[in-house]
Amino acid sequence: MSTNTLASQHCTPRKGKEHALDQAKVTDLLAQLPGWQVVADGKAIVKDFKFRDFHHTLGFINAVGFMANQEDHHPDLEAGYGHCQILWSTHDVGGLSLNDFICAARVETLLEH
């Protein structure tokens, strides 16, 4: 599965541990997302994005927020001058679900334009 294939999918409601991805699937999907790392004992993925100034950082945050609302799947964000860290996790499954990787791929496509 490629970044574009992931990004073309949409999130669906996922509740319960049966939707949590196993380590092999996480490793496979993570290979499609350069720069993303697994954190929180395998329960989240994170990436720090760099920008030239706060204005561009805010534009990126707004674009991510718009996409997250459309997908009804929301990340944790940490921002400062020239950077924004995004962390995806699916609280309703107690770890990582396909939704996290779909949204991470969609974030990557935001930067292609």
C-alpha atoms as a PDB file:
ATOM      1  CA  MET A   1       0.000   0.000   0.000  1.00  0.00           C
ATOM      2  CA  SER A   2       1.431   3.420  -0.922  1.00  0.00           C
ATOM      3  CA  THR A   3       1.004   6.842   0.644  1.00  0.00           C
ATOM      4  CA  ASN A   4      -1.404   7.803  -2.154  1.00  0.00           C
ATOM      5  CA  THR A   5      -3.430   4.623  -1.654  1.00  0.00           C
ATOM      6  CA  LEU A   6      -3.688   5.325   2.065  1.00  0.00           C
ATOM      7  CA  ALA A   7      -4.551   8.992   1.455  1.00  0.00           C
ATOM      8  CA  SER A   8      -7.349   8.065  -0.956  1.00  0.00           C
ATOM      9  CA  GLN A   9      -9.161   6.121   1.767  1.00  0.00           C
ATOM     10  CA  HIS A  10     -11.531   7.562   4.355  1.00  0.00           C
ATOM     11  CA  CYS A  11     -11.765   6.936   8.060  1.00  0.00           C
ATOM     12  CA  THR A  12     -14.541   4.778   9.424  1.00  0.00           C
ATOM     13  CA  PRO A  13     -15.647   4.475  13.048  1.00  0.00           C
ATOM     14  CA  ARG A  14     -13.432   1.936  14.804  1.00  0.00           C
ATOM     15  CA  LYS A  15     -14.232   0.980  18.386  1.00  0.00           C
ATOM     16  CA  GLY A  16     -12.851  -1.934  20.312  1.00  0.00           C
ATOM     17  CA  LYS A  17      -9.528  -3.701  20.502  1.00  0.00           C
ATOM     18  CA  GLU A  18     -10.348  -5.810  17.446  1.00  0.00           C
ATOM     19  CA  HIS A  19      -9.575  -2.731  15.323  1.00  0.00           C
ATOM     20  CA  ALA A  20      -6.118  -2.207  16.848  1.00  0.00           C
ATOM     21  CA  LEU A  21      -3.343  -3.019  14.379  1.00  0.00           C
ATOM     22  CA  ASP A  22      -0.748  -5.648  15.188  1.00  0.00           C
ATOM     23  CA  GLN A  23       2.977  -4.864  15.076  1.00  0.00           C
ATOM     24  CA  ALA A  24       3.468  -6.414  11.618  1.00  0.00           C
ATOM     25  CA  LYS A  25       0.725  -4.256  10.071  1.00  0.00           C
ATOM     26  CA  VAL A  26       2.030  -1.125  11.843  1.00  0.00           C
ATOM     27  CA  THR A  27       5.520  -1.796  10.465  1.00  0.00           C
ATOM     28  CA  ASP A  28       4.129  -2.326   6.956  1.00  0.00           C
ATOM     29  CA  LEU A  29       2.055   0.861   6.999  1.00  0.00           C
ATOM     30  CA  LEU A  30       4.784   2.934   8.632  1.00  0.00           C
ATOM     31  CA  ALA A  31       7.086   2.091   5.722  1.00  0.00           C
ATOM     32  CA  GLN A  32       4.712   4.098   3.509  1.00  0.00           C
ATOM     33  CA  LEU A  33       5.072   7.238   5.641  1.00  0.00           C
ATOM     34  CA  PRO A  34       8.608   8.654   5.621  1.00  0.00           C
ATOM     35  CA  GLY A  35       9.586  10.440   8.808  1.00  0.00           C
ATOM     36  CA  TRP A  36       6.748   9.077  10.947  1.00  0.00           C
ATOM     37  CA  GLN A  37       7.705   7.196  14.103  1.00  0.00           C
ATOM     38  CA  VAL A  38       5.910   4.906  16.505  1.00  0.00           C
ATOM     39  CA  VAL A  39       5.782   6.250  20.081  1.00  0.00           C
ATOM     40  CA  ALA A  40       3.879   5.670  23.333  1.00  0.00           C
ATOM     41  CA  ASP A  41       4.718   1.962  23.502  1.00  0.00           C
ATOM     42  CA  GLY A  42       3.356   1.409  19.990  1.00  0.00           C
ATOM     43  CA  LYS A  43       0.080   3.205  20.606  1.00  0.00           C
ATOM     44  CA  ALA A  44       0.694   6.321  18.471  1.00  0.00           C
ATOM     45  CA  ILE A  45       2.578   7.672  15.464  1.00  0.00           C
ATOM     46  CA  VAL A  46       4.211  11.088  15.402  1.00  0.00           C
ATOM     47  CA  LYS A  47       6.031  13.449  13.070  1.00  0.00           C
ATOM     48  CA  ASP A  48       7.414  16.969  13.492  1.00  0.00           C
ATOM     49  CA  PHE A  49       6.924  19.258  10.493  1.00  0.00           C
ATOM     50  CA  LYS A  50       9.177  22.295   9.944  1.00  0.00           C
ATOM     51  CA  PHE A  51       8.087  25.597   8.431  1.00  0.00           C
ATOM     52  CA  ARG A  52       9.842  28.876   7.721  1.00  0.00           C
ATOM     53  CA  ASP A  53       7.686  30.924  10.099  1.00  0.00           C
ATOM     54  CA  PHE A  54       4.662  30.926  12.381  1.00  0.00           C
ATOM     55  CA  HIS A  55       2.322  32.076   9.599  1.00  0.00           C
ATOM     56  CA  HIS A  56       3.055  28.942   7.546  1.00  0.00           C
ATOM     57  CA  THR A  57       2.797  26.767  10.637  1.00  0.00           C
ATOM     58  CA  LEU A  58      -0.702  28.126  11.344  1.00  0.00           C
ATOM     59  CA  GLY A  59      -1.753  27.583   7.733  1.00  0.00           C
ATOM     60  CA  PHE A  60      -0.651  23.961   8.009  1.00  0.00           C
ATOM     61  CA  ILE A  61      -2.500  23.510  11.313  1.00  0.00           C
ATOM     62  CA  ASN A  62      -5.685  24.909   9.782  1.00  0.00           C
ATOM     63  CA  ALA A  63      -5.404  22.557   6.796  1.00  0.00           C
ATOM     64  CA  VAL A  64      -4.817  19.565   9.088  1.00  0.00           C
ATOM     65  CA  GLY A  65      -7.760  20.623  11.257  1.00  0.00           C
ATOM     66  CA  PHE A  66     -10.066  20.901   8.248  1.00  0.00           C
ATOM     67  CA  MET A  67      -9.055  17.442   7.010  1.00  0.00           C
ATOM     68  CA  ALA A  68      -9.362  15.929  10.507  1.00  0.00           C
ATOM     69  CA  ASN A  69     -12.888  17.309  10.884  1.00  0.00           C
ATOM     70  CA  GLN A  70     -13.877  15.878   7.498  1.00  0.00           C
ATOM     71  CA  GLU A  71     -12.557  12.463   8.548  1.00  0.00           C
ATOM     72  CA  ASP A  72     -13.901  12.768  12.121  1.00  0.00           C
ATOM     73  CA  HIS A  73     -10.505  11.653  13.398  1.00  0.00           C
ATOM     74  CA  HIS A  74      -8.483  14.213  15.325  1.00  0.00           C
ATOM     75  CA  PRO A  75      -4.782  14.343  16.199  1.00  0.00           C
ATOM     76  CA  ASP A  76      -2.915  15.812  19.114  1.00  0.00           C
ATOM     77  CA  LEU A  77      -1.019  18.892  17.918  1.00  0.00           C
ATOM     78  CA  GLU A  78       1.906  20.739  19.429  1.00  0.00           C
ATOM     79  CA  ALA A  79       3.052  23.868  17.659  1.00  0.00           C
ATOM     80  CA  GLY A  80       5.566  26.646  17.967  1.00  0.00           C
ATOM     81  CA  TYR A  81       7.392  29.074  15.766  1.00  0.00           C
ATOM     82  CA  GLY A  82       8.278  27.158  12.614  1.00  0.00           C
ATOM     83  CA  HIS A  83       7.125  23.683  13.607  1.00  0.00           C
ATOM     84  CA  CYS A  84       4.109  21.517  14.303  1.00  0.00           C
ATOM     85  CA  GLN A  85       4.196  18.036  15.791  1.00  0.00           C
ATOM     86  CA  ILE A  86       1.283  15.758  14.947  1.00  0.00           C
ATOM     87  CA  LEU A  87       0.432  12.644  16.936  1.00  0.00           C
ATOM     88  CA  TRP A  88      -2.200  10.174  15.743  1.00  0.00           C
ATOM     89  CA  SER A  89      -3.747   7.471  17.920  1.00  0.00           C
ATOM     90  CA  THR A  90      -7.181   5.865  18.064  1.00  0.00           C
ATOM     91  CA  HIS A  91      -8.338   6.151  21.653  1.00  0.00           C
ATOM     92  CA  ASP A  92     -11.391   3.953  21.014  1.00  0.00           C
ATOM     93  CA  VAL A  93      -9.141   0.972  20.152  1.00  0.00           C
ATOM     94  CA  GLY A  94      -6.446   1.706  22.726  1.00  0.00           C
ATOM     95  CA  GLY A  95      -3.706   2.152  20.152  1.00  0.00           C
ATOM     96  CA  LEU A  96      -3.214   2.417  16.412  1.00  0.00           C
ATOM     97  CA  SER A  97      -5.907   1.772  13.817  1.00  0.00           C
ATOM     98  CA  LEU A  98      -5.964   2.134  10.058  1.00  0.00           C
ATOM     99  CA  ASN A  99      -7.532   5.593  10.582  1.00  0.00           C
ATOM    100  CA  ASP A 100      -4.257   6.896  12.029  1.00  0.00           C
ATOM    101  CA  PHE A 101      -2.307   5.887   8.934  1.00  0.00           C
ATOM    102  CA  ILE A 102      -4.969   7.198   6.560  1.00  0.00           C
ATOM    103  CA  CYS A 103      -4.831  10.597   8.249  1.00  0.00           C
ATOM    104  CA  ALA A 104      -1.022  10.642   8.393  1.00  0.00           C
ATOM    105  CA  ALA A 105      -0.965   9.949   4.638  1.00  0.00           C
ATOM    106  CA  ARG A 106      -3.503  12.719   4.065  1.00  0.00           C
ATOM    107  CA  VAL A 107      -1.255  15.114   6.006  1.00  0.00           C
ATOM    108  CA  GLU A 108       1.616  14.185   3.695  1.00  0.00           C
ATOM    109  CA  THR A 109      -0.506  15.008   0.645  1.00  0.00           C
ATOM    110  CA  LEU A 110      -1.252  18.465   2.083  1.00  0.00           C
ATOM    111  CA  LEU A 111       2.427  19.279   1.717  1.00  0.00           C
ATOM    112  CA  GLU A 112       2.574  18.160  -1.929  1.00  0.00           C
ATOM    113  CA  HIS A 113       0.481  21.123  -3.106  1.00  0.00           C
END
